[in-house]
Amino acid sequence: MAKWTQEQAVAFECARECITDMMGICSTKIAEEEGKTDPDRAVLTELENELTRLAFERSSLTITDDERIATVRRQYGEVIRRFRDSA
């Protein structure tokens, strides 16, 4: 007997994809900063720390954490939409 529902499984995978998209956005910003003539080391460090945090968040997300999954999807979904709209 499954310990989670199909709906939870889908929401979990969507949340993981949101985090993966956020990591992609962060990586894009890192590449843009590194491509500058005089990259800002503080900005790079902040972005690298964020990338590490996101990787940890993705690896520690659990399928039954409905509240966290909903928060990830809502908060990161908004950021991802804004980023794509501005591209």
Protein backbone atom coordinates (compact mmCIF):
# COMPACT_ATOMS: atom_id res chain seq x y z
CA MET A 1 0.00 0.00 0.00
CA ALA A 2 1.39 3.40 -1.03
CA LYS A 3 2.20 5.91 1.66
CA TRP A 4 1.27 8.82 -0.58
CA THR A 5 -1.32 9.67 -3.18
CA GLN A 6 -0.92 10.16 -6.91
CA GLU A 7 -1.72 13.84 -6.35
CA GLN A 8 1.13 14.10 -3.82
CA ALA A 9 3.51 12.39 -6.24
CA VAL A 10 2.67 14.83 -9.04
CA ALA A 11 2.94 17.86 -6.73
CA PHE A 12 6.29 16.58 -5.44
CA GLU A 13 7.70 16.22 -8.95
CA CYS A 14 6.40 19.68 -9.89
CA ALA A 15 8.07 21.19 -6.82
CA ARG A 16 11.36 19.47 -7.67
CA GLU A 17 11.13 20.87 -11.20
CA CYS A 18 10.50 24.35 -9.79
CA ILE A 19 13.64 24.06 -7.69
CA THR A 20 15.57 22.77 -10.71
CA ASP A 21 14.34 25.77 -12.73
CA MET A 22 15.45 28.08 -9.93
CA MET A 23 18.88 26.46 -10.04
CA GLY A 24 18.97 27.10 -13.78
CA ILE A 25 18.08 30.75 -13.26
CA CYS A 26 20.80 31.04 -10.64
CA SER A 27 23.34 29.38 -12.97
CA THR A 28 22.35 31.80 -15.74
CA LYS A 29 22.94 34.76 -13.42
CA ILE A 30 26.32 33.32 -12.42
CA ALA A 31 27.33 32.97 -16.07
CA GLU A 32 26.18 36.52 -16.81
CA GLU A 33 28.16 37.92 -13.87
CA GLU A 34 31.26 35.89 -14.80
CA GLY A 35 30.97 37.20 -18.35
CA LYS A 36 31.35 40.79 -17.22
CA THR A 37 34.66 42.59 -17.62
CA ASP A 38 34.86 43.09 -13.88
CA PRO A 39 32.65 40.47 -12.17
CA ASP A 40 31.41 41.34 -8.70
CA ARG A 41 32.88 38.70 -6.39
CA ALA A 42 30.26 39.38 -3.70
CA VAL A 43 27.42 38.83 -6.18
CA LEU A 44 29.04 35.62 -7.40
CA THR A 45 29.45 34.34 -3.86
CA GLU A 46 25.82 35.14 -3.07
CA LEU A 47 24.62 33.36 -6.21
CA GLU A 48 26.83 30.34 -5.57
CA ASN A 49 25.50 30.13 -2.02
CA GLU A 50 21.95 30.31 -3.35
CA LEU A 51 22.70 27.53 -5.82
CA THR A 52 24.02 25.36 -2.99
CA ARG A 53 20.97 26.13 -0.86
CA LEU A 54 18.62 25.21 -3.69
CA ALA A 55 20.43 21.91 -4.28
CA PHE A 56 20.06 21.07 -0.60
CA GLU A 57 16.41 22.10 -0.63
CA ARG A 58 15.74 19.86 -3.62
CA SER A 59 17.51 16.87 -2.06
CA SER A 60 15.76 17.28 1.29
CA LEU A 61 12.23 17.75 -0.06
CA THR A 62 9.96 14.85 0.89
CA ILE A 63 6.91 13.63 -0.95
CA THR A 64 4.67 13.88 2.12
CA ASP A 65 5.60 17.47 3.04
CA ASP A 66 2.47 18.90 1.46
CA GLU A 67 2.86 22.36 2.97
CA ARG A 68 6.47 22.83 1.85
CA ILE A 69 5.69 21.47 -1.61
CA ALA A 70 2.80 23.93 -2.01
CA THR A 71 5.03 26.80 -0.85
CA VAL A 72 7.82 25.86 -3.27
CA ARG A 73 5.40 25.65 -6.17
CA ARG A 74 3.73 28.96 -5.34
CA GLN A 75 6.82 31.04 -4.50
CA TYR A 76 9.23 29.67 -7.06
CA GLY A 77 6.53 29.43 -9.72
CA GLU A 78 6.05 33.20 -9.51
CA VAL A 79 9.81 33.86 -9.79
CA ILE A 80 10.13 31.47 -12.74
CA ARG A 81 7.21 33.10 -14.60
CA ARG A 82 8.69 36.59 -14.07
CA PHE A 83 12.11 35.41 -15.23
CA ARG A 84 10.71 33.81 -18.39
CA ASP A 85 8.54 36.83 -19.13
CA SER A 86 11.58 39.11 -18.94
CA ALA A 87 13.73 36.92 -21.21
